[in-house]
Amino acid sequence: MHEEFTLRCDHEQFISSQAVKLVCKNGKTIMVVKFKQQFFAYLNECQHLPVELDWEEGKFFDSDNQYIICSTHGALYDPQTGHCISGPCKSKYLHKLDVIQLKHQIRIIYDGS
């Protein structure tokens, strides 16, 4: 099932935090993160166990705001690549989604897989 989401880049949620959580029609969730002035989108699912990453609703980053952290076992993921650099799923990658950045919007493409 193909879905597209469109968000404003200056969206209030990106001003107050680094991430936005979106819910798909199939029940899965997507995290859209802003890191170093760029946007990245991933399925919100750890590569070790099929659990959501956010430790609090929509909160994905560690205390230093440098890595996406799994709330279940502390795995750390690079926000630019989705690569797990530490934890039981080391060397695996989050499922990355296409992000198209337009003038004041970002579009996320999810193929349903």
C-alpha atoms as a PDB file:
ATOM      1  CA  MET A   1       0.000   0.000   0.000  1.00  0.00           C
ATOM      2  CA  HIS A   2       1.620   3.215  -1.194  1.00  0.00           C
ATOM      3  CA  GLU A   3       1.228   6.294   1.024  1.00  0.00           C
ATOM      4  CA  GLU A   4       2.563   9.818   0.854  1.00  0.00           C
ATOM      5  CA  PHE A   5       2.787  12.332   3.669  1.00  0.00           C
ATOM      6  CA  THR A   6       3.455  16.042   3.223  1.00  0.00           C
ATOM      7  CA  LEU A   7       4.733  18.210   6.071  1.00  0.00           C
ATOM      8  CA  ARG A   8       5.759  21.842   6.220  1.00  0.00           C
ATOM      9  CA  CYS A   9       9.500  22.225   6.896  1.00  0.00           C
ATOM     10  CA  ASP A  10       8.762  25.081   9.278  1.00  0.00           C
ATOM     11  CA  HIS A  11       6.090  22.969  10.970  1.00  0.00           C
ATOM     12  CA  GLU A  12       5.744  23.835  14.660  1.00  0.00           C
ATOM     13  CA  GLN A  13       6.731  20.306  15.689  1.00  0.00           C
ATOM     14  CA  PHE A  14      10.135  20.715  14.011  1.00  0.00           C
ATOM     15  CA  ILE A  15      10.702  23.984  15.836  1.00  0.00           C
ATOM     16  CA  SER A  16      10.158  22.449  19.282  1.00  0.00           C
ATOM     17  CA  SER A  17      11.760  19.049  18.609  1.00  0.00           C
ATOM     18  CA  GLN A  18      13.873  17.124  16.144  1.00  0.00           C
ATOM     19  CA  ALA A  19      11.274  14.572  15.109  1.00  0.00           C
ATOM     20  CA  VAL A  20       7.684  13.975  14.080  1.00  0.00           C
ATOM     21  CA  LYS A  21       5.864  10.640  14.351  1.00  0.00           C
ATOM     22  CA  LEU A  22       3.372   9.707  11.619  1.00  0.00           C
ATOM     23  CA  VAL A  23       0.872   6.833  11.640  1.00  0.00           C
ATOM     24  CA  CYS A  24       0.300   4.827   8.449  1.00  0.00           C
ATOM     25  CA  LYS A  25      -2.944   3.172   7.356  1.00  0.00           C
ATOM     26  CA  ASN A  26      -1.471  -0.268   8.156  1.00  0.00           C
ATOM     27  CA  GLY A  27      -0.788   0.811  11.758  1.00  0.00           C
ATOM     28  CA  LYS A  28       2.987   1.112  11.414  1.00  0.00           C
ATOM     29  CA  THR A  29       4.581   4.397  12.377  1.00  0.00           C
ATOM     30  CA  ILE A  30       7.181   6.531  10.662  1.00  0.00           C
ATOM     31  CA  MET A  31       9.643   8.905  12.259  1.00  0.00           C
ATOM     32  CA  VAL A  32      10.708  11.997  10.386  1.00  0.00           C
ATOM     33  CA  VAL A  33      13.829  13.497  11.916  1.00  0.00           C
ATOM     34  CA  LYS A  34      15.547  16.806  11.339  1.00  0.00           C
ATOM     35  CA  PHE A  35      19.293  16.541  11.829  1.00  0.00           C
ATOM     36  CA  LYS A  36      21.890  19.106  10.756  1.00  0.00           C
ATOM     37  CA  GLN A  37      19.222  21.014   8.807  1.00  0.00           C
ATOM     38  CA  GLN A  38      18.287  17.933   6.731  1.00  0.00           C
ATOM     39  CA  PHE A  39      15.241  15.661   6.937  1.00  0.00           C
ATOM     40  CA  PHE A  40      15.336  11.861   7.107  1.00  0.00           C
ATOM     41  CA  ALA A  41      12.493   9.352   7.438  1.00  0.00           C
ATOM     42  CA  TYR A  42      12.507   5.789   8.733  1.00  0.00           C
ATOM     43  CA  LEU A  43      10.025   3.151   9.790  1.00  0.00           C
ATOM     44  CA  ASN A  44       9.768   3.450  13.557  1.00  0.00           C
ATOM     45  CA  GLU A  45      10.963  -0.083  14.242  1.00  0.00           C
ATOM     46  CA  CYS A  46      14.152  -1.351  15.869  1.00  0.00           C
ATOM     47  CA  GLN A  47      16.229  -3.792  13.843  1.00  0.00           C
ATOM     48  CA  HIS A  48      16.775  -6.063  16.858  1.00  0.00           C
ATOM     49  CA  LEU A  49      13.154  -6.604  17.906  1.00  0.00           C
ATOM     50  CA  PRO A  50       9.972  -5.345  16.187  1.00  0.00           C
ATOM     51  CA  VAL A  51       9.366  -2.560  18.736  1.00  0.00           C
ATOM     52  CA  GLU A  52       8.950   1.175  18.261  1.00  0.00           C
ATOM     53  CA  LEU A  53      12.020   3.239  19.032  1.00  0.00           C
ATOM     54  CA  ASP A  54      10.604   6.320  20.755  1.00  0.00           C
ATOM     55  CA  TRP A  55      11.152   6.377  24.511  1.00  0.00           C
ATOM     56  CA  GLU A  56       8.351   8.885  24.910  1.00  0.00           C
ATOM     57  CA  GLU A  57       5.724   9.671  22.266  1.00  0.00           C
ATOM     58  CA  GLY A  58       7.660  11.247  19.379  1.00  0.00           C
ATOM     59  CA  LYS A  59      10.983  11.389  21.281  1.00  0.00           C
ATOM     60  CA  PHE A  60      13.703   9.509  19.402  1.00  0.00           C
ATOM     61  CA  PHE A  61      17.049  11.122  20.222  1.00  0.00           C
ATOM     62  CA  ASP A  62      19.566  10.411  22.977  1.00  0.00           C
ATOM     63  CA  SER A  63      20.311  13.029  25.643  1.00  0.00           C
ATOM     64  CA  ASP A  64      22.994  14.647  23.443  1.00  0.00           C
ATOM     65  CA  ASN A  65      20.646  14.835  20.414  1.00  0.00           C
ATOM     66  CA  GLN A  66      23.241  13.059  18.284  1.00  0.00           C
ATOM     67  CA  TYR A  67      21.743   9.583  17.799  1.00  0.00           C
ATOM     68  CA  ILE A  68      18.359   7.939  17.479  1.00  0.00           C
ATOM     69  CA  ILE A  69      18.068   5.601  20.457  1.00  0.00           C
ATOM     70  CA  CYS A  70      15.910   2.515  20.945  1.00  0.00           C
ATOM     71  CA  SER A  71      13.880   2.802  24.129  1.00  0.00           C
ATOM     72  CA  THR A  72      13.883  -0.971  24.666  1.00  0.00           C
ATOM     73  CA  HIS A  73      17.596  -1.807  24.719  1.00  0.00           C
ATOM     74  CA  GLY A  74      19.494   1.402  23.954  1.00  0.00           C
ATOM     75  CA  ALA A  75      20.710   0.679  20.429  1.00  0.00           C
ATOM     76  CA  LEU A  76      22.093   3.837  18.786  1.00  0.00           C
ATOM     77  CA  TYR A  77      21.381   4.721  15.151  1.00  0.00           C
ATOM     78  CA  ASP A  78      23.004   7.386  12.989  1.00  0.00           C
ATOM     79  CA  PRO A  79      20.156   9.802  12.096  1.00  0.00           C
ATOM     80  CA  GLN A  80      21.587  10.487   8.618  1.00  0.00           C
ATOM     81  CA  THR A  81      21.968   6.866   7.500  1.00  0.00           C
ATOM     82  CA  GLY A  82      19.914   4.733   9.903  1.00  0.00           C
ATOM     83  CA  HIS A  83      23.033   2.646  10.587  1.00  0.00           C
ATOM     84  CA  CYS A  84      23.122   1.012  14.030  1.00  0.00           C
ATOM     85  CA  ILE A  85      26.469   1.900  15.603  1.00  0.00           C
ATOM     86  CA  SER A  86      25.911   0.322  19.023  1.00  0.00           C
ATOM     87  CA  GLY A  87      23.672  -2.315  20.573  1.00  0.00           C
ATOM     88  CA  PRO A  88      22.419  -5.817  19.749  1.00  0.00           C
ATOM     89  CA  CYS A  89      21.600  -4.865  16.142  1.00  0.00           C
ATOM     90  CA  LYS A  90      25.013  -3.285  15.428  1.00  0.00           C
ATOM     91  CA  SER A  91      25.740  -2.904  11.692  1.00  0.00           C
ATOM     92  CA  LYS A  92      22.068  -3.210  10.662  1.00  0.00           C
ATOM     93  CA  TYR A  93      20.076  -0.326   9.195  1.00  0.00           C
ATOM     94  CA  LEU A  94      16.675   1.181   9.875  1.00  0.00           C
ATOM     95  CA  HIS A  95      14.225   0.951   6.958  1.00  0.00           C
ATOM     96  CA  LYS A  96      14.826   4.290   5.222  1.00  0.00           C
ATOM     97  CA  LEU A  97      12.031   6.053   3.351  1.00  0.00           C
ATOM     98  CA  ASP A  98      12.294   8.496   0.484  1.00  0.00           C
ATOM     99  CA  VAL A  99      12.141  12.148   1.473  1.00  0.00           C
ATOM    100  CA  ILE A 100      11.573  14.828  -1.140  1.00  0.00           C
ATOM    101  CA  GLN A 101      12.322  18.301   0.103  1.00  0.00           C
ATOM    102  CA  LEU A 102      10.519  21.107  -1.696  1.00  0.00           C
ATOM    103  CA  LYS A 103      10.693  24.815  -0.960  1.00  0.00           C
ATOM    104  CA  HIS A 104       8.766  24.801   2.339  1.00  0.00           C
ATOM    105  CA  GLN A 105       7.572  21.203   2.475  1.00  0.00           C
ATOM    106  CA  ILE A 106       8.871  17.696   2.745  1.00  0.00           C
ATOM    107  CA  ARG A 107       7.150  14.709   1.205  1.00  0.00           C
ATOM    108  CA  ILE A 108       7.674  11.199   2.591  1.00  0.00           C
ATOM    109  CA  ILE A 109       7.014   8.198   0.385  1.00  0.00           C
ATOM    110  CA  TYR A 110       6.095   4.893   2.052  1.00  0.00           C
ATOM    111  CA  ASP A 111       5.565   1.768  -0.057  1.00  0.00           C
ATOM    112  CA  GLY A 112       3.863  -0.204   2.721  1.00  0.00           C
ATOM    113  CA  SER A 113       6.619  -2.752   3.258  1.00  0.00           C
END
